[in-house]
Amino acid sequence: MATRRPTLPTSAQMRTQVLDAIAERLALGGLTQKEAAAQLGLAQPQVSALMNRKSEGFSLDRLIDIAVRAGLSVRLSVARPYRRD
């Protein structure tokens, strides 16, 4: 029997997507955590948390701001739900 993964609320899904993008960017950036912290305006432990994909203490707004400072482009798409007849 296949186990269903619990569905995250939309805002949590968005936080996870932004967090994953930041973590990937930091991993590929070639900077130390201390250097990345200085570039992003964060403390080194916060960079460590981001690299380990720990979103506690980071709102979606804050993650978007960090993503932009990391050189990422963040876009939001809003659409009507798929309608079944």
PDB file of N, CA and C in Angstrom:
ATOM      1  N   MET A   1       0.839  -1.174   0.000  1.00  0.00           N
ATOM      2  CA  MET A   1       0.000   0.000   0.000  1.00  0.00           C
ATOM      3  C   MET A   1       0.889   1.245   0.000  1.00  0.00           C
ATOM      4  N   ALA A   2       0.619   2.144  -0.905  1.00  0.00           N
ATOM      5  CA  ALA A   2       1.409   3.376  -1.013  1.00  0.00           C
ATOM      6  C   ALA A   2       1.005   4.349   0.083  1.00  0.00           C
ATOM      7  N   THR A   3       1.997   4.968   0.684  1.00  0.00           N
ATOM      8  CA  THR A   3       1.696   5.961   1.710  1.00  0.00           C
ATOM      9  C   THR A   3       1.565   7.323   1.060  1.00  0.00           C
ATOM     10  N   ARG A   4       0.578   8.046   1.490  1.00  0.00           N
ATOM     11  CA  ARG A   4       0.367   9.389   0.963  1.00  0.00           C
ATOM     12  C   ARG A   4       1.145  10.375   1.798  1.00  0.00           C
ATOM     13  N   ARG A   5       1.815  11.243   1.129  1.00  0.00           N
ATOM     14  CA  ARG A   5       2.538  12.294   1.815  1.00  0.00           C
ATOM     15  C   ARG A   5       1.548  13.359   2.237  1.00  0.00           C
ATOM     16  N   PRO A   6       1.591  13.804   3.483  1.00  0.00           N
ATOM     17  CA  PRO A   6       0.633  14.823   3.898  1.00  0.00           C
ATOM     18  C   PRO A   6       0.808  16.088   3.059  1.00  0.00           C
ATOM     19  N   THR A   7      -0.308  16.673   2.692  1.00  0.00           N
ATOM     20  CA  THR A   7      -0.282  17.886   1.898  1.00  0.00           C
ATOM     21  C   THR A   7       0.032  19.070   2.793  1.00  0.00           C
ATOM     22  N   LEU A   8       1.043  19.826   2.413  1.00  0.00           N
ATOM     23  CA  LEU A   8       1.409  21.018   3.167  1.00  0.00           C
ATOM     24  C   LEU A   8       0.490  22.161   2.767  1.00  0.00           C
ATOM     25  N   PRO A   9       0.210  23.065   3.680  1.00  0.00           N
ATOM     26  CA  PRO A   9      -0.523  24.264   3.286  1.00  0.00           C
ATOM     27  C   PRO A   9       0.281  25.017   2.227  1.00  0.00           C
ATOM     28  N   THR A  10      -0.404  25.743   1.399  1.00  0.00           N
ATOM     29  CA  THR A  10       0.243  26.430   0.290  1.00  0.00           C
ATOM     30  C   THR A  10       1.410  27.302   0.736  1.00  0.00           C
ATOM     31  N   SER A  11       1.258  28.061   1.817  1.00  0.00           N
ATOM     32  CA  SER A  11       2.357  28.920   2.262  1.00  0.00           C
ATOM     33  C   SER A  11       3.563  28.095   2.690  1.00  0.00           C
ATOM     34  N   ALA A  12       3.329  26.937   3.292  1.00  0.00           N
ATOM     35  CA  ALA A  12       4.441  26.069   3.686  1.00  0.00           C
ATOM     36  C   ALA A  12       5.127  25.489   2.458  1.00  0.00           C
ATOM     37  N   GLN A  13       4.355  25.162   1.425  1.00  0.00           N
ATOM     38  CA  GLN A  13       4.942  24.670   0.179  1.00  0.00           C
ATOM     39  C   GLN A  13       5.825  25.747  -0.441  1.00  0.00           C
ATOM     40  N   MET A  14       5.341  26.968  -0.424  1.00  0.00           N
ATOM     41  CA  MET A  14       6.104  28.067  -0.997  1.00  0.00           C
ATOM     42  C   MET A  14       7.380  28.303  -0.205  1.00  0.00           C
ATOM     43  N   ARG A  15       7.288  28.266   1.123  1.00  0.00           N
ATOM     44  CA  ARG A  15       8.492  28.432   1.945  1.00  0.00           C
ATOM     45  C   ARG A  15       9.514  27.363   1.610  1.00  0.00           C
ATOM     46  N   THR A  16       9.045  26.127   1.455  1.00  0.00           N
ATOM     47  CA  THR A  16       9.942  25.022   1.134  1.00  0.00           C
ATOM     48  C   THR A  16      10.608  25.232  -0.213  1.00  0.00           C
ATOM     49  N   GLN A  17       9.869  25.685  -1.204  1.00  0.00           N
ATOM     50  CA  GLN A  17      10.436  25.925  -2.532  1.00  0.00           C
ATOM     51  C   GLN A  17      11.501  27.018  -2.492  1.00  0.00           C
ATOM     52  N   VAL A  18      11.203  28.107  -1.807  1.00  0.00           N
ATOM     53  CA  VAL A  18      12.167  29.206  -1.724  1.00  0.00           C
ATOM     54  C   VAL A  18      13.398  28.764  -0.929  1.00  0.00           C
ATOM     55  N   LEU A  19      13.171  28.061   0.168  1.00  0.00           N
ATOM     56  CA  LEU A  19      14.271  27.572   1.002  1.00  0.00           C
ATOM     57  C   LEU A  19      15.176  26.637   0.207  1.00  0.00           C
ATOM     58  N   ASP A  20      14.596  25.726  -0.564  1.00  0.00           N
ATOM     59  CA  ASP A  20      15.393  24.808  -1.382  1.00  0.00           C
ATOM     60  C   ASP A  20      16.245  25.574  -2.400  1.00  0.00           C
ATOM     61  N   ALA A  21      15.659  26.591  -3.021  1.00  0.00           N
ATOM     62  CA  ALA A  21      16.402  27.384  -4.010  1.00  0.00           C
ATOM     63  C   ALA A  21      17.566  28.122  -3.356  1.00  0.00           C
ATOM     64  N   ILE A  22      17.329  28.673  -2.163  1.00  0.00           N
ATOM     65  CA  ILE A  22      18.400  29.374  -1.444  1.00  0.00           C
ATOM     66  C   ILE A  22      19.511  28.402  -1.078  1.00  0.00           C
ATOM     67  N   ALA A  23      19.137  27.240  -0.549  1.00  0.00           N
ATOM     68  CA  ALA A  23      20.138  26.253  -0.137  1.00  0.00           C
ATOM     69  C   ALA A  23      20.988  25.810  -1.329  1.00  0.00           C
ATOM     70  N   GLU A  24      20.347  25.588  -2.482  1.00  0.00           N
ATOM     71  CA  GLU A  24      21.087  25.191  -3.679  1.00  0.00           C
ATOM     72  C   GLU A  24      22.032  26.313  -4.133  1.00  0.00           C
ATOM     73  N   ARG A  25      21.535  27.539  -4.094  1.00  0.00           N
ATOM     74  CA  ARG A  25      22.358  28.692  -4.496  1.00  0.00           C
ATOM     75  C   ARG A  25      23.583  28.821  -3.590  1.00  0.00           C
ATOM     76  N   LEU A  26      23.368  28.668  -2.283  1.00  0.00           N
ATOM     77  CA  LEU A  26      24.479  28.775  -1.336  1.00  0.00           C
ATOM     78  C   LEU A  26      25.488  27.647  -1.537  1.00  0.00           C
ATOM     79  N   ALA A  27      24.995  26.447  -1.817  1.00  0.00           N
ATOM     80  CA  ALA A  27      25.882  25.307  -2.015  1.00  0.00           C
ATOM     81  C   ALA A  27      26.757  25.487  -3.258  1.00  0.00           C
ATOM     82  N   LEU A  28      26.194  26.130  -4.280  1.00  0.00           N
ATOM     83  CA  LEU A  28      26.932  26.317  -5.535  1.00  0.00           C
ATOM     84  C   LEU A  28      27.746  27.603  -5.555  1.00  0.00           C
ATOM     85  N   GLY A  29      27.544  28.462  -4.567  1.00  0.00           N
ATOM     86  CA  GLY A  29      28.178  29.776  -4.567  1.00  0.00           C
ATOM     87  C   GLY A  29      29.662  29.776  -4.287  1.00  0.00           C
ATOM     88  N   GLY A  30      30.174  28.741  -3.660  1.00  0.00           N
ATOM     89  CA  GLY A  30      31.597  28.668  -3.376  1.00  0.00           C
ATOM     90  C   GLY A  30      32.068  29.561  -2.239  1.00  0.00           C
ATOM     91  N   LEU A  31      31.133  30.105  -1.478  1.00  0.00           N
ATOM     92  CA  LEU A  31      31.493  30.960  -0.348  1.00  0.00           C
ATOM     93  C   LEU A  31      31.464  30.161   0.947  1.00  0.00           C
ATOM     94  N   THR A  32      32.243  30.612   1.911  1.00  0.00           N
ATOM     95  CA  THR A  32      32.117  30.029   3.246  1.00  0.00           C
ATOM     96  C   THR A  32      30.809  30.548   3.842  1.00  0.00           C
ATOM     97  N   GLN A  33      30.350  29.906   4.904  1.00  0.00           N
ATOM     98  CA  GLN A  33      29.130  30.367   5.553  1.00  0.00           C
ATOM     99  C   GLN A  33      29.294  31.787   6.084  1.00  0.00           C
ATOM    100  N   LYS A  34      30.474  32.097   6.568  1.00  0.00           N
ATOM    101  CA  LYS A  34      30.736  33.442   7.084  1.00  0.00           C
ATOM    102  C   LYS A  34      30.663  34.470   5.957  1.00  0.00           C
ATOM    103  N   GLU A  35      31.240  34.151   4.800  1.00  0.00           N
ATOM    104  CA  GLU A  35      31.191  35.054   3.649  1.00  0.00           C
ATOM    105  C   GLU A  35      29.753  35.221   3.141  1.00  0.00           C
ATOM    106  N   ALA A  36      29.028  34.112   3.069  1.00  0.00           N
ATOM    107  CA  ALA A  36      27.628  34.160   2.626  1.00  0.00           C
ATOM    108  C   ALA A  36      26.795  34.978   3.598  1.00  0.00           C
ATOM    109  N   ALA A  37      27.062  34.828   4.887  1.00  0.00           N
ATOM    110  CA  ALA A  37      26.322  35.592   5.901  1.00  0.00           C
ATOM    111  C   ALA A  37      26.539  37.085   5.700  1.00  0.00           C
ATOM    112  N   ALA A  38      27.767  37.484   5.453  1.00  0.00           N
ATOM    113  CA  ALA A  38      28.067  38.903   5.232  1.00  0.00           C
ATOM    114  C   ALA A  38      27.366  39.419   3.980  1.00  0.00           C
ATOM    115  N   GLN A  39      27.363  38.626   2.923  1.00  0.00           N
ATOM    116  CA  GLN A  39      26.724  39.025   1.674  1.00  0.00           C
ATOM    117  C   GLN A  39      25.207  39.150   1.832  1.00  0.00           C
ATOM    118  N   LEU A  40      24.608  38.257   2.620  1.00  0.00           N
ATOM    119  CA  LEU A  40      23.151  38.226   2.761  1.00  0.00           C
ATOM    120  C   LEU A  40      22.639  39.060   3.925  1.00  0.00           C
ATOM    121  N   GLY A  41      23.544  39.584   4.747  1.00  0.00           N
ATOM    122  CA  GLY A  41      23.117  40.357   5.907  1.00  0.00           C
ATOM    123  C   GLY A  41      22.535  39.497   7.009  1.00  0.00           C
ATOM    124  N   LEU A  42      23.084  38.305   7.156  1.00  0.00           N
ATOM    125  CA  LEU A  42      22.616  37.351   8.161  1.00  0.00           C
ATOM    126  C   LEU A  42      23.761  36.967   9.085  1.00  0.00           C
ATOM    127  N   ALA A  43      23.428  36.298  10.161  1.00  0.00           N
ATOM    128  CA  ALA A  43      24.441  35.709  11.036  1.00  0.00           C
ATOM    129  C   ALA A  43      24.820  34.338  10.471  1.00  0.00           C
ATOM    130  N   GLN A  44      26.024  33.898  10.736  1.00  0.00           N
ATOM    131  CA  GLN A  44      26.488  32.600  10.220  1.00  0.00           C
ATOM    132  C   GLN A  44      25.570  31.451  10.620  1.00  0.00           C
ATOM    133  N   PRO A  45      25.058  31.386  11.880  1.00  0.00           N
ATOM    134  CA  PRO A  45      24.149  30.282  12.221  1.00  0.00           C
ATOM    135  C   PRO A  45      22.869  30.276  11.371  1.00  0.00           C
ATOM    136  N   GLN A  46      22.425  31.462  10.937  1.00  0.00           N
ATOM    137  CA  GLN A  46      21.242  31.526  10.075  1.00  0.00           C
ATOM    138  C   GLN A  46      21.554  30.947   8.698  1.00  0.00           C
ATOM    139  N   VAL A  47      22.747  31.218   8.186  1.00  0.00           N
ATOM    140  CA  VAL A  47      23.160  30.638   6.909  1.00  0.00           C
ATOM    141  C   VAL A  47      23.249  29.125   7.041  1.00  0.00           C
ATOM    142  N   SER A  48      23.778  28.656   8.148  1.00  0.00           N
ATOM    143  CA  SER A  48      23.853  27.215   8.389  1.00  0.00           C
ATOM    144  C   SER A  48      22.456  26.593   8.376  1.00  0.00           C
ATOM    145  N   ALA A  49      21.504  27.248   9.031  1.00  0.00           N
ATOM    146  CA  ALA A  49      20.124  26.748   9.057  1.00  0.00           C
ATOM    147  C   ALA A  49      19.549  26.688   7.644  1.00  0.00           C
ATOM    148  N   LEU A  50      19.791  27.728   6.845  1.00  0.00           N
ATOM    149  CA  LEU A  50      19.294  27.743   5.469  1.00  0.00           C
ATOM    150  C   LEU A  50      19.910  26.616   4.653  1.00  0.00           C
ATOM    151  N   MET A  51      21.216  26.420   4.805  1.00  0.00           N
ATOM    152  CA  MET A  51      21.891  25.374   4.041  1.00  0.00           C
ATOM    153  C   MET A  51      21.413  23.986   4.440  1.00  0.00           C
ATOM    154  N   ASN A  52      20.952  23.864   5.679  1.00  0.00           N
ATOM    155  CA  ASN A  52      20.413  22.590   6.158  1.00  0.00           C
ATOM    156  C   ASN A  52      18.898  22.512   5.996  1.00  0.00           C
ATOM    157  N   ARG A  53      18.351  23.477   5.249  1.00  0.00           N
ATOM    158  CA  ARG A  53      16.924  23.521   4.907  1.00  0.00           C
ATOM    159  C   ARG A  53      16.019  23.518   6.140  1.00  0.00           C
ATOM    160  N   LYS A  54      16.419  24.291   7.130  1.00  0.00           N
ATOM    161  CA  LYS A  54      15.611  24.450   8.342  1.00  0.00           C
ATOM    162  C   LYS A  54      14.921  25.802   8.275  1.00  0.00           C
ATOM    163  N   SER A  55      13.607  25.783   8.145  1.00  0.00           N
ATOM    164  CA  SER A  55      12.875  27.023   7.912  1.00  0.00           C
ATOM    165  C   SER A  55      12.366  27.691   9.188  1.00  0.00           C
ATOM    166  N   GLU A  56      12.569  27.071  10.333  1.00  0.00           N
ATOM    167  CA  GLU A  56      12.109  27.671  11.586  1.00  0.00           C
ATOM    168  C   GLU A  56      12.758  29.044  11.754  1.00  0.00           C
ATOM    169  N   GLY A  57      11.930  30.028  12.080  1.00  0.00           N
ATOM    170  CA  GLY A  57      12.444  31.371  12.285  1.00  0.00           C
ATOM    171  C   GLY A  57      12.511  32.215  11.024  1.00  0.00           C
ATOM    172  N   PHE A  58      12.120  31.644   9.880  1.00  0.00           N
ATOM    173  CA  PHE A  58      12.133  32.372   8.618  1.00  0.00           C
ATOM    174  C   PHE A  58      10.721  32.409   8.044  1.00  0.00           C
ATOM    175  N   SER A  59      10.155  33.604   7.961  1.00  0.00           N
ATOM    176  CA  SER A  59       8.850  33.744   7.317  1.00  0.00           C
ATOM    177  C   SER A  59       9.039  33.664   5.803  1.00  0.00           C
ATOM    178  N   LEU A  60       7.951  33.486   5.083  1.00  0.00           N
ATOM    179  CA  LEU A  60       8.026  33.469   3.629  1.00  0.00           C
ATOM    180  C   LEU A  60       8.570  34.791   3.113  1.00  0.00           C
ATOM    181  N   ASP A  61       8.109  35.901   3.686  1.00  0.00           N
ATOM    182  CA  ASP A  61       8.613  37.221   3.269  1.00  0.00           C
ATOM    183  C   ASP A  61      10.126  37.321   3.452  1.00  0.00           C
ATOM    184  N   ARG A  62      10.598  36.859   4.586  1.00  0.00           N
ATOM    185  CA  ARG A  62      12.039  36.943   4.863  1.00  0.00           C
ATOM    186  C   ARG A  62      12.840  36.057   3.914  1.00  0.00           C
ATOM    187  N   LEU A  63      12.317  34.856   3.644  1.00  0.00           N
ATOM    188  CA  LEU A  63      13.004  33.962   2.708  1.00  0.00           C
ATOM    189  C   LEU A  63      13.070  34.564   1.312  1.00  0.00           C
ATOM    190  N   ILE A  64      11.996  35.242   0.898  1.00  0.00           N
ATOM    191  CA  ILE A  64      12.008  35.891  -0.416  1.00  0.00           C
ATOM    192  C   ILE A  64      13.064  36.988  -0.449  1.00  0.00           C
ATOM    193  N   ASP A  65      13.132  37.789   0.610  1.00  0.00           N
ATOM    194  CA  ASP A  65      14.157  38.840   0.679  1.00  0.00           C
ATOM    195  C   ASP A  65      15.564  38.246   0.601  1.00  0.00           C
ATOM    196  N   ILE A  66      15.786  37.154   1.312  1.00  0.00           N
ATOM    197  CA  ILE A  66      17.099  36.496   1.300  1.00  0.00           C
ATOM    198  C   ILE A  66      17.401  35.948  -0.096  1.00  0.00           C
ATOM    199  N   ALA A  67      16.402  35.355  -0.729  1.00  0.00           N
ATOM    200  CA  ALA A  67      16.587  34.804  -2.073  1.00  0.00           C
ATOM    201  C   ALA A  67      17.002  35.898  -3.051  1.00  0.00           C
ATOM    202  N   VAL A  68      16.354  37.051  -2.962  1.00  0.00           N
ATOM    203  CA  VAL A  68      16.693  38.163  -3.857  1.00  0.00           C
ATOM    204  C   VAL A  68      18.121  38.637  -3.596  1.00  0.00           C
ATOM    205  N   ARG A  69      18.503  38.744  -2.318  1.00  0.00           N
ATOM    206  CA  ARG A  69      19.879  39.154  -1.998  1.00  0.00           C
ATOM    207  C   ARG A  69      20.894  38.133  -2.479  1.00  0.00           C
ATOM    208  N   ALA A  70      20.458  36.856  -2.587  1.00  0.00           N
ATOM    209  CA  ALA A  70      21.343  35.794  -3.083  1.00  0.00           C
ATOM    210  C   ALA A  70      21.398  35.772  -4.607  1.00  0.00           C
ATOM    211  N   GLY A  71      20.669  36.682  -5.251  1.00  0.00           N
ATOM    212  CA  GLY A  71      20.713  36.765  -6.710  1.00  0.00           C
ATOM    213  C   GLY A  71      19.659  35.935  -7.412  1.00  0.00           C
ATOM    214  N   LEU A  72      18.677  35.465  -6.672  1.00  0.00           N
ATOM    215  CA  LEU A  72      17.608  34.674  -7.268  1.00  0.00           C
ATOM    216  C   LEU A  72      16.428  35.572  -7.626  1.00  0.00           C
ATOM    217  N   SER A  73      15.648  35.140  -8.577  1.00  0.00           N
ATOM    218  CA  SER A  73      14.417  35.827  -8.954  1.00  0.00           C
ATOM    219  C   SER A  73      13.254  34.997  -8.426  1.00  0.00           C
ATOM    220  N   VAL A  74      12.351  35.620  -7.709  1.00  0.00           N
ATOM    221  CA  VAL A  74      11.212  34.911  -7.136  1.00  0.00           C
ATOM    222  C   VAL A  74       9.952  35.423  -7.806  1.00  0.00           C
ATOM    223  N   ARG A  75       9.160  34.499  -8.333  1.00  0.00           N
ATOM    224  CA  ARG A  75       7.898  34.859  -8.973  1.00  0.00           C
ATOM    225  C   ARG A  75       6.767  34.068  -8.353  1.00  0.00           C
ATOM    226  N   LEU A  76       5.621  34.693  -8.268  1.00  0.00           N
ATOM    227  CA  LEU A  76       4.421  34.063  -7.727  1.00  0.00           C
ATOM    228  C   LEU A  76       3.409  33.946  -8.848  1.00  0.00           C
ATOM    229  N   SER A  77       2.829  32.780  -8.983  1.00  0.00           N
ATOM    230  CA  SER A  77       1.809  32.564 -10.000  1.00  0.00           C
ATOM    231  C   SER A  77       0.503  32.226  -9.304  1.00  0.00           C
ATOM    232  N   VAL A  78      -0.531  32.954  -9.670  1.00  0.00           N
ATOM    233  CA  VAL A  78      -1.847  32.724  -9.091  1.00  0.00           C
ATOM    234  C   VAL A  78      -2.795  32.365 -10.223  1.00  0.00           C
ATOM    235  N   ALA A  79      -3.534  31.283 -10.062  1.00  0.00           N
ATOM    236  CA  ALA A  79      -4.454  30.836 -11.103  1.00  0.00           C
ATOM    237  C   ALA A  79      -5.727  30.299 -10.471  1.00  0.00           C
ATOM    238  N   ARG A  80      -6.754  30.257 -11.268  1.00  0.00           N
ATOM    239  CA  ARG A  80      -8.006  29.642 -10.791  1.00  0.00           C
ATOM    240  C   ARG A  80      -7.791  28.149 -10.648  1.00  0.00           C
ATOM    241  N   PRO A  81      -8.492  27.542  -9.708  1.00  0.00           N
ATOM    242  CA  PRO A  81      -8.354  26.083  -9.567  1.00  0.00           C
ATOM    243  C   PRO A  81      -8.905  25.372 -10.798  1.00  0.00           C
ATOM    244  N   TYR A  82      -8.350  24.238 -11.057  1.00  0.00           N
ATOM    245  CA  TYR A  82      -8.821  23.395 -12.159  1.00  0.00           C
ATOM    246  C   TYR A  82     -10.263  23.005 -11.883  1.00  0.00           C
ATOM    247  N   ARG A  83     -11.103  23.194 -12.849  1.00  0.00           N
ATOM    248  CA  ARG A  83     -12.524  22.899 -12.653  1.00  0.00           C
ATOM    249  C   ARG A  83     -12.869  21.555 -13.286  1.00  0.00           C
ATOM    250  N   ARG A  84     -13.427  20.685 -12.474  1.00  0.00           N
ATOM    251  CA  ARG A  84     -13.873  19.380 -12.974  1.00  0.00           C
ATOM    252  C   ARG A  84     -15.371  19.445 -13.210  1.00  0.00           C
ATOM    253  N   ASP A  85     -15.768  18.948 -14.362  1.00  0.00           N
ATOM    254  CA  ASP A  85     -17.206  18.937 -14.673  1.00  0.00           C
ATOM    255  C   ASP A  85     -17.793  17.561 -14.502  1.00  0.00           C
TER     256      ASP A  85
END
